[in-house]
Amino acid sequence: MGIDPGTNILGFGVVRVNGSGRAEFVDMGVLDLRKVGDAYDKLQIISEKVSALCELHSPDDMAVESPFYARNAQVIFKLGRAQGAAIIAARSHGVSVTEYAPRKAKMAICGNGAASKEQVALIVEKTLGINIASKYLDATDALALAMCHYYQLTSPLSGQSASSSWEKFLETNPDRIKK
């Protein structure tokens, strides 16, 4: 599951890995909090929504976008609080959480860390074989985070030395070896 945290709009996206090891679309959406006046009410709603998503989809992992530097320090504090509410909700359901910088997710999906939301949405659509309305750009960012995490988990080079990782990859994917 991916979460693009925000105190006005929160995007979520859920992918599941099928039996052949490919990511498939499950769910996506946005939580619109613009009409909620109290900042602490927003955090409670975020926590409740992420908790409900965890109960509905039983994810193993949640990828969450890390807050990025903005001109106004208050913006980063608000984003950090929204992120924290989502993380606590996921952790209370036993979900592992990994944080990704926006540029890392864009790089994983588009090959360009400065890709636009529209570019990310297009690649996510093509990769998952779905159509996404433009009003769901925050949700496509969340799907991109989930896909980024999936790519990190399935990369033969993630987290280990290259030789050990390639050996493990070849061992677990004998059908991908051409003789």
Protein backbone atom coordinates (compact mmCIF):
# COMPACT_ATOMS: atom_id res chain seq x y z
CA MET A 1 0.00 0.00 0.00
CA GLY A 2 1.23 3.49 -0.80
CA ILE A 3 0.30 6.71 0.98
CA ASP A 4 0.88 10.21 -0.37
CA PRO A 5 0.27 12.12 2.88
CA GLY A 6 -1.31 15.52 3.05
CA THR A 7 -3.45 17.49 5.45
CA ASN A 8 -5.72 18.69 2.66
CA ILE A 9 -5.59 15.77 0.21
CA LEU A 10 -4.24 12.34 1.08
CA GLY A 11 -3.75 9.83 -1.72
CA PHE A 12 -3.75 6.08 -1.26
CA GLY A 13 -3.04 3.21 -3.60
CA VAL A 14 -2.98 -0.53 -3.13
CA VAL A 15 -1.25 -3.11 -5.32
CA ARG A 16 -1.00 -6.83 -4.74
CA VAL A 17 1.65 -9.19 -6.10
CA ASN A 18 0.07 -12.07 -8.03
CA GLY A 19 1.29 -15.67 -8.20
CA SER A 20 3.68 -14.90 -11.05
CA GLY A 21 5.29 -12.05 -9.12
CA ARG A 22 3.65 -9.18 -11.00
CA ALA A 23 2.05 -6.20 -9.29
CA GLU A 24 -1.69 -5.82 -9.89
CA PHE A 25 -3.97 -2.88 -9.14
CA VAL A 26 -6.33 -3.35 -6.17
CA ASP A 27 -7.58 0.05 -5.01
CA MET A 28 -6.87 3.77 -5.05
CA GLY A 29 -8.46 7.00 -3.97
CA VAL A 30 -8.14 10.33 -2.27
CA LEU A 31 -9.19 11.53 1.14
CA ASP A 32 -10.31 15.15 0.76
CA LEU A 33 -9.83 16.99 4.05
CA ARG A 34 -10.17 20.56 2.77
CA LYS A 35 -13.53 21.09 4.49
CA VAL A 36 -12.26 19.89 7.87
CA GLY A 37 -11.26 22.98 9.85
CA ASP A 38 -9.44 21.58 12.86
CA ALA A 39 -5.91 20.28 12.22
CA TYR A 40 -6.23 17.59 14.90
CA ASP A 41 -9.52 16.37 13.44
CA LYS A 42 -7.69 15.95 10.13
CA LEU A 43 -5.04 13.80 11.79
CA GLN A 44 -7.69 11.65 13.43
CA ILE A 45 -9.48 11.17 10.10
CA ILE A 46 -6.19 10.24 8.41
CA SER A 47 -5.50 7.68 11.12
CA GLU A 48 -9.00 6.22 10.85
CA LYS A 49 -8.84 6.02 7.03
CA VAL A 50 -5.44 4.32 6.96
CA SER A 51 -6.61 1.96 9.69
CA ALA A 52 -9.73 1.11 7.65
CA LEU A 53 -7.58 0.51 4.56
CA CYS A 54 -5.35 -1.82 6.58
CA GLU A 55 -8.39 -3.74 7.79
CA LEU A 56 -9.86 -3.93 4.28
CA HIS A 57 -6.74 -4.90 2.32
CA SER A 58 -4.43 -6.46 4.96
CA PRO A 59 -1.23 -5.09 3.41
CA ASP A 60 2.15 -6.48 4.40
CA ASP A 61 3.91 -3.20 3.68
CA MET A 62 3.13 0.49 3.42
CA ALA A 63 5.27 2.89 1.42
CA VAL A 64 4.85 6.49 2.48
CA GLU A 65 6.20 9.63 0.88
CA SER A 66 8.65 11.52 3.04
CA PRO A 67 7.97 15.20 3.59
CA PHE A 68 10.01 17.39 1.31
CA TYR A 69 11.39 20.84 1.97
CA ALA A 70 8.97 23.65 1.20
CA ARG A 71 9.39 27.41 1.34
CA ASN A 72 7.21 27.57 4.42
CA ALA A 73 8.41 25.50 7.39
CA GLN A 74 4.79 25.10 8.56
CA VAL A 75 4.05 23.06 5.42
CA ILE A 76 6.69 20.46 6.24
CA PHE A 77 5.46 20.23 9.84
CA LYS A 78 1.88 19.63 8.65
CA LEU A 79 3.01 17.00 6.14
CA GLY A 80 5.09 15.30 8.82
CA ARG A 81 2.09 15.13 11.12
CA ALA A 82 -0.08 13.64 8.36
CA GLN A 83 2.66 11.13 7.61
CA GLY A 84 2.96 10.27 11.29
CA ALA A 85 -0.79 9.68 11.65
CA ALA A 86 -0.68 7.29 8.67
CA ILE A 87 2.41 5.49 9.97
CA ILE A 88 0.99 4.94 13.45
CA ALA A 89 -2.25 3.59 11.99
CA ALA A 90 -0.36 1.15 9.76
CA ARG A 91 2.03 0.04 12.50
CA SER A 92 -0.90 -0.58 14.87
CA HIS A 93 -2.07 -3.17 12.32
CA GLY A 94 1.37 -4.80 12.13
CA VAL A 95 2.16 -3.29 8.72
CA SER A 96 5.81 -2.68 7.90
CA VAL A 97 6.47 0.92 6.83
CA THR A 98 9.10 2.25 4.43
CA GLU A 99 9.60 5.91 3.58
CA TYR A 100 10.56 7.11 0.10
CA ALA A 101 11.54 10.56 -1.12
CA PRO A 102 9.26 11.86 -3.89
CA ARG A 103 12.21 11.90 -6.33
CA LYS A 104 13.02 8.24 -5.61
CA ALA A 105 9.47 7.10 -6.41
CA LYS A 106 9.42 9.19 -9.60
CA MET A 107 12.79 7.76 -10.60
CA ALA A 108 11.57 4.19 -9.99
CA ILE A 109 8.43 4.72 -12.06
CA CYS A 110 9.50 7.13 -14.81
CA GLY A 111 13.29 7.00 -14.78
CA ASN A 112 13.22 10.73 -14.05
CA GLY A 113 13.22 12.08 -10.50
CA ALA A 114 11.73 15.37 -11.70
CA ALA A 115 8.78 13.78 -13.56
CA SER A 116 5.44 15.59 -13.37
CA LYS A 117 2.38 14.14 -11.65
CA GLU A 118 0.88 13.61 -15.12
CA GLN A 119 3.92 11.63 -16.30
CA VAL A 120 3.81 9.47 -13.18
CA ALA A 121 0.08 8.85 -13.70
CA LEU A 122 0.62 7.83 -17.34
CA ILE A 123 3.34 5.30 -16.50
CA VAL A 124 1.35 3.89 -13.56
CA GLU A 125 -1.68 3.53 -15.87
CA LYS A 126 0.36 1.68 -18.50
CA THR A 127 2.17 -0.51 -15.98
CA LEU A 128 -0.97 -1.58 -14.10
CA GLY A 129 -3.27 -1.60 -17.16
CA ILE A 130 -5.82 0.82 -15.69
CA ASN A 131 -7.34 4.19 -16.56
CA ILE A 132 -7.03 6.95 -14.00
CA ALA A 133 -9.07 10.15 -13.93
CA SER A 134 -7.00 13.33 -13.57
CA LYS A 135 -8.74 14.13 -10.26
CA TYR A 136 -6.82 11.20 -8.73
CA LEU A 137 -3.26 12.48 -9.24
CA ASP A 138 -2.56 12.22 -5.50
CA ALA A 139 -3.74 8.61 -5.65
CA THR A 140 -1.45 7.87 -8.60
CA ASP A 141 1.44 9.24 -6.55
CA ALA A 142 0.44 6.77 -3.83
CA LEU A 143 0.30 3.93 -6.39
CA ALA A 144 3.75 5.03 -7.58
CA LEU A 145 5.03 4.76 -4.01
CA ALA A 146 3.58 1.25 -3.72
CA MET A 147 5.16 0.30 -7.06
CA CYS A 148 8.49 1.84 -6.01
CA HIS A 149 8.43 -0.32 -2.88
CA TYR A 150 7.57 -3.41 -4.93
CA TYR A 151 10.50 -2.68 -7.25
CA GLN A 152 12.82 -2.24 -4.25
CA LEU A 153 11.71 -5.57 -2.80
CA THR A 154 12.14 -7.43 -6.08
CA SER A 155 15.38 -5.82 -7.21
CA PRO A 156 18.28 -8.23 -7.22
CA LEU A 157 20.53 -5.40 -6.04
CA SER A 158 18.52 -3.99 -3.16
CA GLY A 159 20.07 -4.11 0.25
CA GLN A 160 22.82 -6.64 -0.36
CA SER A 161 26.14 -6.89 -2.12
CA ALA A 162 25.75 -7.36 -5.85
CA SER A 163 27.21 -10.87 -6.05
CA SER A 164 25.12 -12.21 -3.18
CA SER A 165 22.03 -10.52 -4.52
CA TRP A 166 22.45 -11.81 -8.07
CA GLU A 167 23.03 -15.32 -6.74
CA LYS A 168 19.80 -15.10 -4.75
CA PHE A 169 17.95 -13.67 -7.76
CA LEU A 170 19.14 -16.49 -10.03
CA GLU A 171 18.31 -19.07 -7.39
CA THR A 172 14.76 -17.80 -6.94
CA ASN A 173 14.17 -17.13 -10.68
CA PRO A 174 15.56 -20.15 -12.58
CA ASP A 175 13.01 -19.60 -15.36
CA ARG A 176 14.72 -16.32 -16.26
CA ILE A 177 18.06 -17.95 -17.05
CA LYS A 178 18.72 -18.57 -20.75
CA LYS A 179 20.95 -21.54 -21.49
